PDB file of N, CA and C in Angstrom:
ATOM      1  N   MET A   1       0.833  -1.204   0.077  1.00  0.00           N
ATOM      2  CA  MET A   1      -0.067  -0.015  -0.069  1.00  0.00           C
ATOM      3  C   MET A   1       0.706   1.134   0.088  1.00  0.00           C
ATOM      4  N   ALA A   2       0.664   2.009  -0.797  1.00  0.00           N
ATOM      5  CA  ALA A   2       1.462   3.420  -0.842  1.00  0.00           C
ATOM      6  C   ALA A   2       1.392   4.267   0.171  1.00  0.00           C
ATOM      7  N   ALA A   3       0.393   4.315   0.917  1.00  0.00           N
ATOM      8  CA  ALA A   3       0.297   4.983   2.224  1.00  0.00           C
ATOM      9  C   ALA A   3       1.389   4.651   3.232  1.00  0.00           C
ATOM     10  N   ALA A   4       1.495   3.390   3.375  1.00  0.00           N
ATOM     11  CA  ALA A   4       2.541   2.759   4.184  1.00  0.00           C
ATOM     12  C   ALA A   4       3.948   3.220   3.805  1.00  0.00           C
ATOM     13  N   ARG A   5       4.210   3.626   2.572  1.00  0.00           N
ATOM     14  CA  ARG A   5       5.407   4.070   2.002  1.00  0.00           C
ATOM     15  C   ARG A   5       5.715   5.473   2.083  1.00  0.00           C
ATOM     16  N   ILE A   6       4.600   6.274   2.481  1.00  0.00           N
ATOM     17  CA  ILE A   6       4.849   7.820   2.695  1.00  0.00           C
ATOM     18  C   ILE A   6       5.623   8.123   3.687  1.00  0.00           C
ATOM     19  N   ARG A   7       6.922   8.905   3.706  1.00  0.00           N
ATOM     20  CA  ARG A   7       7.762   8.823   4.815  1.00  0.00           C
ATOM     21  C   ARG A   7       8.202  10.343   4.786  1.00  0.00           C
ATOM     22  N   VAL A   8       8.879  10.762   5.768  1.00  0.00           N
ATOM     23  CA  VAL A   8       9.380  12.133   5.894  1.00  0.00           C
ATOM     24  C   VAL A   8      10.570  12.079   4.811  1.00  0.00           C
ATOM     25  N   GLY A   9      10.595  13.198   3.984  1.00  0.00           N
ATOM     26  CA  GLY A   9      11.657  13.356   2.945  1.00  0.00           C
ATOM     27  C   GLY A   9      11.216  12.875   1.683  1.00  0.00           C
ATOM     28  N   GLY A  10      10.037  12.102   1.611  1.00  0.00           N
ATOM     29  CA  GLY A  10       9.500  11.628   0.484  1.00  0.00           C
ATOM     30  C   GLY A  10       8.824  12.479  -0.604  1.00  0.00           C
ATOM     31  N   LYS A  11       8.374  12.459  -1.731  1.00  0.00           N
ATOM     32  CA  LYS A  11       7.633  13.143  -2.682  1.00  0.00           C
ATOM     33  C   LYS A  11       6.313  12.587  -2.826  1.00  0.00           C
ATOM     34  N   VAL A  12       5.370  13.501  -2.795  1.00  0.00           N
ATOM     35  CA  VAL A  12       4.140  13.065  -3.115  1.00  0.00           C
ATOM     36  C   VAL A  12       3.304  14.036  -4.103  1.00  0.00           C
ATOM     37  N   VAL A  13       2.263  13.559  -4.849  1.00  0.00           N
ATOM     38  CA  VAL A  13       1.537  14.529  -5.781  1.00  0.00           C
ATOM     39  C   VAL A  13       0.496  15.084  -4.929  1.00  0.00           C
ATOM     40  N   PHE A  14       0.554  16.480  -4.894  1.00  0.00           N
ATOM     41  CA  PHE A  14      -0.325  17.400  -4.311  1.00  0.00           C
ATOM     42  C   PHE A  14      -1.431  18.036  -5.401  1.00  0.00           C
ATOM     43  N   PRO A  15      -2.633  17.738  -5.273  1.00  0.00           N
ATOM     44  CA  PRO A  15      -3.555  18.016  -6.286  1.00  0.00           C
ATOM     45  C   PRO A  15      -3.678  19.502  -6.252  1.00  0.00           C
ATOM     46  N   SER A  16      -3.633  20.257  -7.384  1.00  0.00           N
ATOM     47  CA  SER A  16      -3.550  21.648  -7.688  1.00  0.00           C
ATOM     48  C   SER A  16      -4.262  22.038  -9.138  1.00  0.00           C
ATOM     49  N   HIS A  17      -4.663  23.352  -9.067  1.00  0.00           N
ATOM     50  CA  HIS A  17      -5.099  23.707 -10.575  1.00  0.00           C
ATOM     51  C   HIS A  17      -4.169  24.727 -10.870  1.00  0.00           C
ATOM     52  N   PRO A  18      -3.739  24.799 -12.040  1.00  0.00           N
ATOM     53  CA  PRO A  18      -4.246  24.011 -13.143  1.00  0.00           C
ATOM     54  C   PRO A  18      -3.475  22.652 -13.305  1.00  0.00           C
ATOM     55  N   ALA A  19      -2.293  22.454 -12.520  1.00  0.00           N
ATOM     56  CA  ALA A  19      -1.597  21.186 -12.638  1.00  0.00           C
ATOM     57  C   ALA A  19      -1.175  20.745 -11.370  1.00  0.00           C
ATOM     58  N   ASP A  20      -1.178  19.225 -11.125  1.00  0.00           N
ATOM     59  CA  ASP A  20      -0.688  18.913  -9.789  1.00  0.00           C
ATOM     60  C   ASP A  20       0.781  19.286  -9.530  1.00  0.00           C
ATOM     61  N   LEU A  21       0.949  19.385  -8.226  1.00  0.00           N
ATOM     62  CA  LEU A  21       2.346  19.732  -7.987  1.00  0.00           C
ATOM     63  C   LEU A  21       3.081  18.810  -7.052  1.00  0.00           C
ATOM     64  N   ILE A  22       4.320  18.505  -6.981  1.00  0.00           N
ATOM     65  CA  ILE A  22       5.151  17.619  -6.226  1.00  0.00           C
ATOM     66  C   ILE A  22       5.525  18.330  -4.998  1.00  0.00           C
ATOM     67  N   ALA A  23       5.059  17.736  -3.718  1.00  0.00           N
ATOM     68  CA  ALA A  23       5.301  18.047  -2.612  1.00  0.00           C
ATOM     69  C   ALA A  23       6.300  17.332  -1.861  1.00  0.00           C
ATOM     70  N   GLU A  24       6.946  17.795  -0.681  1.00  0.00           N
ATOM     71  CA  GLU A  24       7.759  17.157  -0.024  1.00  0.00           C
ATOM     72  C   GLU A  24       7.130  16.857   1.331  1.00  0.00           C
ATOM     73  N   VAL A  25       7.239  15.721   1.800  1.00  0.00           N
ATOM     74  CA  VAL A  25       6.554  15.448   3.075  1.00  0.00           C
ATOM     75  C   VAL A  25       7.521  15.753   4.193  1.00  0.00           C
ATOM     76  N   THR A  26       7.128  16.534   5.062  1.00  0.00           N
ATOM     77  CA  THR A  26       8.050  17.100   6.318  1.00  0.00           C
ATOM     78  C   THR A  26       7.623  16.467   7.850  1.00  0.00           C
ATOM     79  N   GLU A  27       6.495  15.769   7.716  1.00  0.00           N
ATOM     80  CA  GLU A  27       6.065  15.114   8.994  1.00  0.00           C
ATOM     81  C   GLU A  27       4.955  14.334   8.653  1.00  0.00           C
ATOM     82  N   VAL A  28       5.008  13.016   9.328  1.00  0.00           N
ATOM     83  CA  VAL A  28       3.886  12.220   9.382  1.00  0.00           C
ATOM     84  C   VAL A  28       3.488  12.014  10.730  1.00  0.00           C
ATOM     85  N   TYR A  29       2.051  11.949  11.000  1.00  0.00           N
ATOM     86  CA  TYR A  29       1.745  12.018  12.309  1.00  0.00           C
ATOM     87  C   TYR A  29       0.180  11.533  12.604  1.00  0.00           C
ATOM     88  N   GLY A  30      -0.109  11.327  13.625  1.00  0.00           N
ATOM     89  CA  GLY A  30      -1.430  10.929  14.016  1.00  0.00           C
ATOM     90  C   GLY A  30      -1.599   9.553  14.160  1.00  0.00           C
ATOM     91  N   PRO A  31      -2.747   8.855  14.779  1.00  0.00           N
ATOM     92  CA  PRO A  31      -3.126   7.703  15.200  1.00  0.00           C
ATOM     93  C   PRO A  31      -3.089   6.559  13.919  1.00  0.00           C
ATOM     94  N   THR A  32      -2.847   5.393  13.951  1.00  0.00           N
ATOM     95  CA  THR A  32      -3.167   4.307  12.892  1.00  0.00           C
ATOM     96  C   THR A  32      -4.537   4.563  12.383  1.00  0.00           C
ATOM     97  N   GLY A  33      -4.681   4.648  11.117  1.00  0.00           N
ATOM     98  CA  GLY A  33      -5.981   4.812  10.511  1.00  0.00           C
ATOM     99  C   GLY A  33      -6.401   6.206  10.193  1.00  0.00           C
ATOM    100  N   HIS A  34      -5.722   7.186  10.797  1.00  0.00           N
ATOM    101  CA  HIS A  34      -5.877   8.473  10.702  1.00  0.00           C
ATOM    102  C   HIS A  34      -4.696   9.176  10.665  1.00  0.00           C
ATOM    103  N   ARG A  35      -3.692   8.685   9.941  1.00  0.00           N
ATOM    104  CA  ARG A  35      -2.402   9.306   9.679  1.00  0.00           C
ATOM    105  C   ARG A  35      -2.518  10.613   8.832  1.00  0.00           C
ATOM    106  N   MET A  36      -1.749  11.622   9.067  1.00  0.00           N
ATOM    107  CA  MET A  36      -1.776  12.909   8.427  1.00  0.00           C
ATOM    108  C   MET A  36      -0.272  13.166   7.934  1.00  0.00           C
ATOM    109  N   ALA A  37      -0.058  13.832   6.987  1.00  0.00           N
ATOM    110  CA  ALA A  37       1.329  14.228   6.508  1.00  0.00           C
ATOM    111  C   ALA A  37       1.288  15.649   6.252  1.00  0.00           C
ATOM    112  N   ARG A  38       2.194  16.214   6.828  1.00  0.00           N
ATOM    113  CA  ARG A  38       2.543  17.674   6.706  1.00  0.00           C
ATOM    114  C   ARG A  38       3.362  17.911   5.294  1.00  0.00           C
ATOM    115  N   LEU A  39       2.915  18.643   4.559  1.00  0.00           N
ATOM    116  CA  LEU A  39       3.720  18.840   3.363  1.00  0.00           C
ATOM    117  C   LEU A  39       4.316  20.144   3.112  1.00  0.00           C
ATOM    118  N   LEU A  40       5.485  20.281   2.246  1.00  0.00           N
ATOM    119  CA  LEU A  40       5.873  21.573   2.027  1.00  0.00           C
ATOM    120  C   LEU A  40       5.529  21.538   0.383  1.00  0.00           C
ATOM    121  N   VAL A  41       4.993  22.615  -0.056  1.00  0.00           N
ATOM    122  CA  VAL A  41       4.321  22.603  -1.292  1.00  0.00           C
ATOM    123  C   VAL A  41       4.807  24.013  -1.997  1.00  0.00           C
ATOM    124  N   PRO A  42       5.526  23.735  -3.128  1.00  0.00           N
ATOM    125  CA  PRO A  42       6.058  24.935  -3.883  1.00  0.00           C
ATOM    126  C   PRO A  42       5.132  25.662  -4.597  1.00  0.00           C
ATOM    127  N   CYS A  43       5.228  26.918  -4.744  1.00  0.00           N
ATOM    128  CA  CYS A  43       4.275  27.719  -5.455  1.00  0.00           C
ATOM    129  C   CYS A  43       5.224  28.272  -6.735  1.00  0.00           C
ATOM    130  N   PRO A  44       4.905  27.616  -7.857  1.00  0.00           N
ATOM    131  CA  PRO A  44       5.653  27.722  -8.883  1.00  0.00           C
ATOM    132  C   PRO A  44       5.254  29.149  -9.888  1.00  0.00           C
ATOM    133  N   GLY A  45       6.402  29.671 -10.480  1.00  0.00           N
ATOM    134  CA  GLY A  45       6.159  30.977 -11.041  1.00  0.00           C
ATOM    135  C   GLY A  45       5.928  30.768 -12.597  1.00  0.00           C
ATOM    136  N   PRO A  46       5.758  31.627 -13.515  1.00  0.00           N
ATOM    137  CA  PRO A  46       5.305  31.328 -14.878  1.00  0.00           C
ATOM    138  C   PRO A  46       6.279  30.582 -15.713  1.00  0.00           C
ATOM    139  N   SER A  47       7.612  30.838 -15.247  1.00  0.00           N
ATOM    140  CA  SER A  47       8.553  30.038 -15.847  1.00  0.00           C
ATOM    141  C   SER A  47       8.921  28.658 -15.192  1.00  0.00           C
ATOM    142  N   GLY A  48       8.219  28.333 -14.308  1.00  0.00           N
ATOM    143  CA  GLY A  48       8.661  26.952 -13.657  1.00  0.00           C
ATOM    144  C   GLY A  48       9.362  27.196 -12.367  1.00  0.00           C
ATOM    145  N   GLU A  49       9.883  28.417 -12.115  1.00  0.00           N
ATOM    146  CA  GLU A  49      10.597  28.604 -10.933  1.00  0.00           C
ATOM    147  C   GLU A  49       9.881  28.534  -9.640  1.00  0.00           C
ATOM    148  N   THR A  50      10.376  28.292  -8.513  1.00  0.00           N
ATOM    149  CA  THR A  50       9.680  28.387  -7.183  1.00  0.00           C
ATOM    150  C   THR A  50       9.683  29.766  -6.656  1.00  0.00           C
ATOM    151  N   LEU A  51       8.701  30.299  -6.635  1.00  0.00           N
ATOM    152  CA  LEU A  51       8.560  31.580  -5.952  1.00  0.00           C
ATOM    153  C   LEU A  51       8.485  31.698  -4.627  1.00  0.00           C
ATOM    154  N   ALA A  52       7.802  30.829  -4.175  1.00  0.00           N
ATOM    155  CA  ALA A  52       7.758  30.687  -2.490  1.00  0.00           C
ATOM    156  C   ALA A  52       7.257  29.032  -2.300  1.00  0.00           C
ATOM    157  N   THR A  53       7.150  28.678  -1.042  1.00  0.00           N
ATOM    158  CA  THR A  53       6.795  27.376  -0.665  1.00  0.00           C
ATOM    159  C   THR A  53       5.531  27.649   0.564  1.00  0.00           C
ATOM    160  N   TRP A  54       4.583  26.819   0.822  1.00  0.00           N
ATOM    161  CA  TRP A  54       3.821  26.911   2.069  1.00  0.00           C
ATOM    162  C   TRP A  54       3.758  25.448   2.402  1.00  0.00           C
ATOM    163  N   ASP A  55       3.345  25.617   3.748  1.00  0.00           N
ATOM    164  CA  ASP A  55       3.051  23.993   4.304  1.00  0.00           C
ATOM    165  C   ASP A  55       1.514  23.797   4.519  1.00  0.00           C
ATOM    166  N   THR A  56       1.222  22.622   4.499  1.00  0.00           N
ATOM    167  CA  THR A  56      -0.368  22.147   4.581  1.00  0.00           C
ATOM    168  C   THR A  56      -0.199  20.753   4.896  1.00  0.00           C
ATOM    169  N   SER A  57      -1.358  20.272   5.483  1.00  0.00           N
ATOM    170  CA  SER A  57      -1.569  18.708   5.961  1.00  0.00           C
ATOM    171  C   SER A  57      -2.715  18.342   5.143  1.00  0.00           C
ATOM    172  N   ARG A  58      -2.216  16.991   4.914  1.00  0.00           N
ATOM    173  CA  ARG A  58      -3.436  16.214   4.174  1.00  0.00           C
ATOM    174  C   ARG A  58      -3.332  14.788   4.771  1.00  0.00           C
ATOM    175  N   PRO A  59      -4.534  14.041   4.750  1.00  0.00           N
ATOM    176  CA  PRO A  59      -4.512  12.692   5.153  1.00  0.00           C
ATOM    177  C   PRO A  59      -3.678  11.762   4.264  1.00  0.00           C
ATOM    178  N   VAL A  60      -2.907  11.076   5.003  1.00  0.00           N
ATOM    179  CA  VAL A  60      -1.963   9.881   4.274  1.00  0.00           C
ATOM    180  C   VAL A  60      -2.699   9.293   3.118  1.00  0.00           C
ATOM    181  N   LYS A  61      -3.959   8.967   3.587  1.00  0.00           N
ATOM    182  CA  LYS A  61      -4.773   7.910   2.606  1.00  0.00           C
ATOM    183  C   LYS A  61      -5.199   8.704   1.383  1.00  0.00           C
ATOM    184  N   ASP A  62      -5.151  10.003   1.246  1.00  0.00           N
ATOM    185  CA  ASP A  62      -5.300  10.867   0.060  1.00  0.00           C
ATOM    186  C   ASP A  62      -4.281  11.154  -0.751  1.00  0.00           C
ATOM    187  N   LEU A  63      -2.972  10.502  -0.314  1.00  0.00           N
ATOM    188  CA  LEU A  63      -1.834  11.025  -1.027  1.00  0.00           C
ATOM    189  C   LEU A  63      -1.131   9.885  -2.070  1.00  0.00           C
ATOM    190  N   HIS A  64      -0.542  10.407  -2.849  1.00  0.00           N
ATOM    191  CA  HIS A  64      -0.047   9.225  -3.706  1.00  0.00           C
ATOM    192  C   HIS A  64       1.392   9.529  -4.042  1.00  0.00           C
ATOM    193  N   LEU A  65       2.266   8.675  -4.003  1.00  0.00           N
ATOM    194  CA  LEU A  65       3.639   8.755  -4.100  1.00  0.00           C
ATOM    195  C   LEU A  65       4.036   9.275  -5.522  1.00  0.00           C
ATOM    196  N   ALA A  66       4.974  10.194  -5.547  1.00  0.00           N
ATOM    197  CA  ALA A  66       5.293  11.027  -6.864  1.00  0.00           C
ATOM    198  C   ALA A  66       6.201  10.138  -7.743  1.00  0.00           C
ATOM    199  N   TYR A  67       7.181   9.398  -6.876  1.00  0.00           N
ATOM    200  CA  TYR A  67       7.905   8.574  -7.776  1.00  0.00           C
ATOM    201  C   TYR A  67       7.913   7.137  -7.032  1.00  0.00           C
ATOM    202  N   SER A  68       8.089   6.042  -7.889  1.00  0.00           N
ATOM    203  CA  SER A  68       7.943   4.768  -7.482  1.00  0.00           C
ATOM    204  C   SER A  68       9.142   3.999  -7.720  1.00  0.00           C
ATOM    205  N   ASP A  69       9.931   3.306  -6.737  1.00  0.00           N
ATOM    206  CA  ASP A  69      11.124   2.438  -6.960  1.00  0.00           C
ATOM    207  C   ASP A  69      10.744   1.325  -7.463  1.00  0.00           C
ATOM    208  N   ALA A  70       9.637   0.939  -7.664  1.00  0.00           N
ATOM    209  CA  ALA A  70       9.077  -0.490  -8.382  1.00  0.00           C
ATOM    210  C   ALA A  70       9.569  -0.291  -9.737  1.00  0.00           C
ATOM    211  N   ALA A  71      10.027  -1.497 -10.412  1.00  0.00           N
ATOM    212  CA  ALA A  71      10.420  -1.382 -11.834  1.00  0.00           C
ATOM    213  C   ALA A  71       9.917  -2.620 -12.613  1.00  0.00           C
TER     214      ALA A  71
END
């Protein structure tokens, strides 16, 4: 299960508009079954550069790994 592999320092997909962003996991907390992840989300500029970052929390069950080691 991907949720079990979400760890501090990992990258996850953060749903955004107009395109999804790749966020870094900075903390995983909460009881089993209600785990939350604190994310550092980039705010991209028009040329793709990162203008700023913000942090937010989302349920781990709603996140997807951005990269997979499975081949």
